[in-house]
Amino acid sequence: MPVGELADRIGITPANPAVLKNGRAKAVRFARLSALCEVLECQPGDLLRWEAEDTAGR
């Protein structure tokens, strides 16, 4: 599904799904995650991935 169509279907600008897709999002609202899952017919775990923080620089 094109990013523009996805954005239209969940009611956001096309820039927002691009930020999520490219891994630049700092946070995702549960309502947005729910809308994404409904449109894409998936579960949150299909969209999210956990990565450990790099704590070496702290």
PDB file of N, CA and C in Angstrom:
ATOM      1  N   MET A   1       0.858  -1.172   0.000  1.00  0.00           N
ATOM      2  CA  MET A   1       0.000   0.000   0.000  1.00  0.00           C
ATOM      3  C   MET A   1       0.903   1.233   0.000  1.00  0.00           C
ATOM      4  N   PRO A   2       0.652   2.179  -0.877  1.00  0.00           N
ATOM      5  CA  PRO A   2       1.457   3.408  -0.891  1.00  0.00           C
ATOM      6  C   PRO A   2       1.294   4.197   0.405  1.00  0.00           C
ATOM      7  N   VAL A   3       2.341   4.907   0.790  1.00  0.00           N
ATOM      8  CA  VAL A   3       2.337   5.682   2.035  1.00  0.00           C
ATOM      9  C   VAL A   3       1.198   6.697   2.037  1.00  0.00           C
ATOM     10  N   GLY A   4       0.953   7.344   0.909  1.00  0.00           N
ATOM     11  CA  GLY A   4      -0.122   8.333   0.845  1.00  0.00           C
ATOM     12  C   GLY A   4      -1.490   7.735   1.121  1.00  0.00           C
ATOM     13  N   GLU A   5      -1.738   6.548   0.575  1.00  0.00           N
ATOM     14  CA  GLU A   5      -3.016   5.875   0.817  1.00  0.00           C
ATOM     15  C   GLU A   5      -3.147   5.472   2.282  1.00  0.00           C
ATOM     16  N   LEU A   6      -2.074   4.946   2.858  1.00  0.00           N
ATOM     17  CA  LEU A   6      -2.087   4.579   4.279  1.00  0.00           C
ATOM     18  C   LEU A   6      -2.394   5.800   5.134  1.00  0.00           C
ATOM     19  N   ALA A   7      -1.727   6.902   4.850  1.00  0.00           N
ATOM     20  CA  ALA A   7      -1.948   8.137   5.607  1.00  0.00           C
ATOM     21  C   ALA A   7      -3.408   8.580   5.502  1.00  0.00           C
ATOM     22  N   ASP A   8      -3.966   8.549   4.308  1.00  0.00           N
ATOM     23  CA  ASP A   8      -5.370   8.924   4.116  1.00  0.00           C
ATOM     24  C   ASP A   8      -6.298   8.034   4.925  1.00  0.00           C
ATOM     25  N   ARG A   9      -6.026   6.746   4.921  1.00  0.00           N
ATOM     26  CA  ARG A   9      -6.922   5.797   5.590  1.00  0.00           C
ATOM     27  C   ARG A   9      -6.894   5.918   7.104  1.00  0.00           C
ATOM     28  N   ILE A  10      -5.767   6.393   7.675  1.00  0.00           N
ATOM     29  CA  ILE A  10      -5.725   6.552   9.135  1.00  0.00           C
ATOM     30  C   ILE A  10      -5.796   8.017   9.566  1.00  0.00           C
ATOM     31  N   GLY A  11      -5.923   8.926   8.588  1.00  0.00           N
ATOM     32  CA  GLY A  11      -6.160  10.329   8.901  1.00  0.00           C
ATOM     33  C   GLY A  11      -4.948  11.118   9.351  1.00  0.00           C
ATOM     34  N   ILE A  12      -3.802  10.869   8.757  1.00  0.00           N
ATOM     35  CA  ILE A  12      -2.591  11.615   9.098  1.00  0.00           C
ATOM     36  C   ILE A  12      -1.910  12.095   7.814  1.00  0.00           C
ATOM     37  N   THR A  13      -0.881  12.917   7.956  1.00  0.00           N
ATOM     38  CA  THR A  13      -0.154  13.392   6.782  1.00  0.00           C
ATOM     39  C   THR A  13       0.781  12.294   6.286  1.00  0.00           C
ATOM     40  N   PRO A  14       1.128  12.291   5.000  1.00  0.00           N
ATOM     41  CA  PRO A  14       2.036  11.271   4.466  1.00  0.00           C
ATOM     42  C   PRO A  14       3.416  11.279   5.112  1.00  0.00           C
ATOM     43  N   ALA A  15       3.820  12.385   5.700  1.00  0.00           N
ATOM     44  CA  ALA A  15       5.125  12.443   6.357  1.00  0.00           C
ATOM     45  C   ALA A  15       5.180  11.533   7.586  1.00  0.00           C
ATOM     46  N   ASN A  16       4.059  11.387   8.292  1.00  0.00           N
ATOM     47  CA  ASN A  16       4.064  10.590   9.531  1.00  0.00           C
ATOM     48  C   ASN A  16       4.361   9.111   9.303  1.00  0.00           C
ATOM     49  N   PRO A  17       3.704   8.435   8.365  1.00  0.00           N
ATOM     50  CA  PRO A  17       4.070   7.032   8.138  1.00  0.00           C
ATOM     51  C   PRO A  17       5.506   6.883   7.631  1.00  0.00           C
ATOM     52  N   ALA A  18       5.997   7.873   6.896  1.00  0.00           N
ATOM     53  CA  ALA A  18       7.377   7.809   6.417  1.00  0.00           C
ATOM     54  C   ALA A  18       8.348   7.841   7.587  1.00  0.00           C
ATOM     55  N   VAL A  19       8.061   8.668   8.592  1.00  0.00           N
ATOM     56  CA  VAL A  19       8.903   8.734   9.793  1.00  0.00           C
ATOM     57  C   VAL A  19       8.902   7.384  10.508  1.00  0.00           C
ATOM     58  N   LEU A  20       7.731   6.776  10.622  1.00  0.00           N
ATOM     59  CA  LEU A  20       7.637   5.461  11.261  1.00  0.00           C
ATOM     60  C   LEU A  20       8.391   4.411  10.456  1.00  0.00           C
ATOM     61  N   LYS A  21       8.188   4.414   9.155  1.00  0.00           N
ATOM     62  CA  LYS A  21       8.808   3.423   8.280  1.00  0.00           C
ATOM     63  C   LYS A  21      10.329   3.503   8.315  1.00  0.00           C
ATOM     64  N   ASN A  22      10.850   4.718   8.384  1.00  0.00           N
ATOM     65  CA  ASN A  22      12.298   4.911   8.355  1.00  0.00           C
ATOM     66  C   ASN A  22      12.959   4.800   9.734  1.00  0.00           C
ATOM     67  N   GLY A  23      12.165   4.510  10.764  1.00  0.00           N
ATOM     68  CA  GLY A  23      12.727   4.305  12.094  1.00  0.00           C
ATOM     69  C   GLY A  23      13.130   5.577  12.807  1.00  0.00           C
ATOM     70  N   ARG A  24      12.584   6.722  12.400  1.00  0.00           N
ATOM     71  CA  ARG A  24      12.961   7.990  13.026  1.00  0.00           C
ATOM     72  C   ARG A  24      11.972   8.437  14.100  1.00  0.00           C
ATOM     73  N   ALA A  25      10.917   7.673  14.331  1.00  0.00           N
ATOM     74  CA  ALA A  25       9.907   8.046  15.329  1.00  0.00           C
ATOM     75  C   ALA A  25      10.454   7.854  16.730  1.00  0.00           C
ATOM     76  N   LYS A  26      10.198   8.817  17.585  1.00  0.00           N
ATOM     77  CA  LYS A  26      10.601   8.721  18.991  1.00  0.00           C
ATOM     78  C   LYS A  26       9.532   8.036  19.828  1.00  0.00           C
ATOM     79  N   ALA A  27       8.278   8.141  19.373  1.00  0.00           N
ATOM     80  CA  ALA A  27       7.152   7.556  20.108  1.00  0.00           C
ATOM     81  C   ALA A  27       5.999   7.331  19.137  1.00  0.00           C
ATOM     82  N   VAL A  28       5.082   6.453  19.540  1.00  0.00           N
ATOM     83  CA  VAL A  28       3.881   6.193  18.751  1.00  0.00           C
ATOM     84  C   VAL A  28       2.703   6.162  19.713  1.00  0.00           C
ATOM     85  N   ARG A  29       1.695   6.957  19.437  1.00  0.00           N
ATOM     86  CA  ARG A  29       0.486   6.946  20.270  1.00  0.00           C
ATOM     87  C   ARG A  29      -0.258   5.631  20.055  1.00  0.00           C
ATOM     88  N   PHE A  30      -0.869   5.135  21.122  1.00  0.00           N
ATOM     89  CA  PHE A  30      -1.613   3.882  21.025  1.00  0.00           C
ATOM     90  C   PHE A  30      -2.749   3.988  20.014  1.00  0.00           C
ATOM     91  N   ALA A  31      -3.408   5.138  19.957  1.00  0.00           N
ATOM     92  CA  ALA A  31      -4.500   5.319  18.996  1.00  0.00           C
ATOM     93  C   ALA A  31      -3.976   5.198  17.568  1.00  0.00           C
ATOM     94  N   ARG A  32      -2.798   5.742  17.309  1.00  0.00           N
ATOM     95  CA  ARG A  32      -2.199   5.666  15.968  1.00  0.00           C
ATOM     96  C   ARG A  32      -1.793   4.228  15.663  1.00  0.00           C
ATOM     97  N   LEU A  33      -1.208   3.548  16.633  1.00  0.00           N
ATOM     98  CA  LEU A  33      -0.817   2.151  16.458  1.00  0.00           C
ATOM     99  C   LEU A  33      -2.042   1.284  16.191  1.00  0.00           C
ATOM    100  N   SER A  34      -3.106   1.553  16.915  1.00  0.00           N
ATOM    101  CA  SER A  34      -4.351   0.808  16.720  1.00  0.00           C
ATOM    102  C   SER A  34      -4.902   1.038  15.311  1.00  0.00           C
ATOM    103  N   ALA A  35      -4.891   2.286  14.852  1.00  0.00           N
ATOM    104  CA  ALA A  35      -5.382   2.601  13.509  1.00  0.00           C
ATOM    105  C   ALA A  35      -4.532   1.919  12.443  1.00  0.00           C
ATOM    106  N   LEU A  36      -3.221   1.935  12.629  1.00  0.00           N
ATOM    107  CA  LEU A  36      -2.324   1.260  11.688  1.00  0.00           C
ATOM    108  C   LEU A  36      -2.632  -0.231  11.620  1.00  0.00           C
ATOM    109  N   CYS A  37      -2.794  -0.843  12.775  1.00  0.00           N
ATOM    110  CA  CYS A  37      -3.073  -2.281  12.816  1.00  0.00           C
ATOM    111  C   CYS A  37      -4.411  -2.611  12.172  1.00  0.00           C
ATOM    112  N   GLU A  38      -5.396  -1.745  12.384  1.00  0.00           N
ATOM    113  CA  GLU A  38      -6.709  -1.997  11.786  1.00  0.00           C
ATOM    114  C   GLU A  38      -6.624  -1.930  10.262  1.00  0.00           C
ATOM    115  N   VAL A  39      -5.972  -0.896   9.734  1.00  0.00           N
ATOM    116  CA  VAL A  39      -5.866  -0.731   8.283  1.00  0.00           C
ATOM    117  C   VAL A  39      -5.008  -1.830   7.661  1.00  0.00           C
ATOM    118  N   LEU A  40      -3.929  -2.177   8.320  1.00  0.00           N
ATOM    119  CA  LEU A  40      -3.002  -3.177   7.771  1.00  0.00           C
ATOM    120  C   LEU A  40      -3.369  -4.607   8.137  1.00  0.00           C
ATOM    121  N   GLU A  41      -4.417  -4.756   8.978  1.00  0.00           N
ATOM    122  CA  GLU A  41      -4.866  -6.071   9.429  1.00  0.00           C
ATOM    123  C   GLU A  41      -3.711  -6.875  10.018  1.00  0.00           C
ATOM    124  N   CYS A  42      -3.096  -6.280  11.050  1.00  0.00           N
ATOM    125  CA  CYS A  42      -1.954  -6.924  11.694  1.00  0.00           C
ATOM    126  C   CYS A  42      -2.016  -6.696  13.200  1.00  0.00           C
ATOM    127  N   GLN A  43      -1.035  -7.189  13.899  1.00  0.00           N
ATOM    128  CA  GLN A  43      -0.896  -7.008  15.341  1.00  0.00           C
ATOM    129  C   GLN A  43       0.244  -6.021  15.609  1.00  0.00           C
ATOM    130  N   PRO A  44       0.236  -5.332  16.763  1.00  0.00           N
ATOM    131  CA  PRO A  44       1.295  -4.379  17.060  1.00  0.00           C
ATOM    132  C   PRO A  44       2.699  -4.987  16.947  1.00  0.00           C
ATOM    133  N   GLY A  45       2.856  -6.223  17.341  1.00  0.00           N
ATOM    134  CA  GLY A  45       4.159  -6.880  17.253  1.00  0.00           C
ATOM    135  C   GLY A  45       4.656  -7.048  15.829  1.00  0.00           C
ATOM    136  N   ASP A  46       3.759  -6.980  14.869  1.00  0.00           N
ATOM    137  CA  ASP A  46       4.163  -7.050  13.467  1.00  0.00           C
ATOM    138  C   ASP A  46       4.808  -5.750  13.017  1.00  0.00           C
ATOM    139  N   LEU A  47       4.539  -4.661  13.741  1.00  0.00           N
ATOM    140  CA  LEU A  47       5.029  -3.342  13.358  1.00  0.00           C
ATOM    141  C   LEU A  47       6.176  -2.839  14.227  1.00  0.00           C
ATOM    142  N   LEU A  48       6.263  -3.334  15.458  1.00  0.00           N
ATOM    143  CA  LEU A  48       7.238  -2.816  16.417  1.00  0.00           C
ATOM    144  C   LEU A  48       8.396  -3.775  16.619  1.00  0.00           C
ATOM    145  N   ARG A  49       9.551  -3.190  16.892  1.00  0.00           N
ATOM    146  CA  ARG A  49      10.738  -3.975  17.209  1.00  0.00           C
ATOM    147  C   ARG A  49      11.459  -3.276  18.353  1.00  0.00           C
ATOM    148  N   TRP A  50      11.875  -4.030  19.350  1.00  0.00           N
ATOM    149  CA  TRP A  50      12.612  -3.480  20.469  1.00  0.00           C
ATOM    150  C   TRP A  50      14.101  -3.580  20.188  1.00  0.00           C
ATOM    151  N   GLU A  51      14.822  -2.490  20.455  1.00  0.00           N
ATOM    152  CA  GLU A  51      16.273  -2.484  20.321  1.00  0.00           C
ATOM    153  C   GLU A  51      16.857  -1.919  21.606  1.00  0.00           C
ATOM    154  N   ALA A  52      17.886  -2.553  22.115  1.00  0.00           N
ATOM    155  CA  ALA A  52      18.537  -2.080  23.327  1.00  0.00           C
ATOM    156  C   ALA A  52      19.192  -0.729  23.064  1.00  0.00           C
ATOM    157  N   GLU A  53      19.146   0.148  24.072  1.00  0.00           N
ATOM    158  CA  GLU A  53      19.812   1.442  23.959  1.00  0.00           C
ATOM    159  C   GLU A  53      21.315   1.251  23.997  1.00  0.00           C
ATOM    160  N   ASP A  54      22.000   2.104  23.267  1.00  0.00           N
ATOM    161  CA  ASP A  54      23.459   2.112  23.327  1.00  0.00           C
ATOM    162  C   ASP A  54      23.850   2.965  24.530  1.00  0.00           C
ATOM    163  N   THR A  55      24.262   2.320  25.630  1.00  0.00           N
ATOM    164  CA  THR A  55      24.585   3.039  26.861  1.00  0.00           C
ATOM    165  C   THR A  55      26.074   3.310  26.999  1.00  0.00           C
ATOM    166  N   ALA A  56      26.872   2.985  26.003  1.00  0.00           N
ATOM    167  CA  ALA A  56      28.312   3.192  26.076  1.00  0.00           C
ATOM    168  C   ALA A  56      28.667   4.668  26.172  1.00  0.00           C
ATOM    169  N   GLY A  57      27.869   5.539  25.582  1.00  0.00           N
ATOM    170  CA  GLY A  57      28.162   6.966  25.589  1.00  0.00           C
ATOM    171  C   GLY A  57      27.683   7.693  26.832  1.00  0.00           C
ATOM    172  N   ARG A  58      27.107   6.989  27.776  1.00  0.00           N
ATOM    173  CA  ARG A  58      26.573   7.630  29.000  1.00  0.00           C
ATOM    174  C   ARG A  58      27.565   7.645  30.097  1.00  0.00           C
TER     175      ARG A  58
END
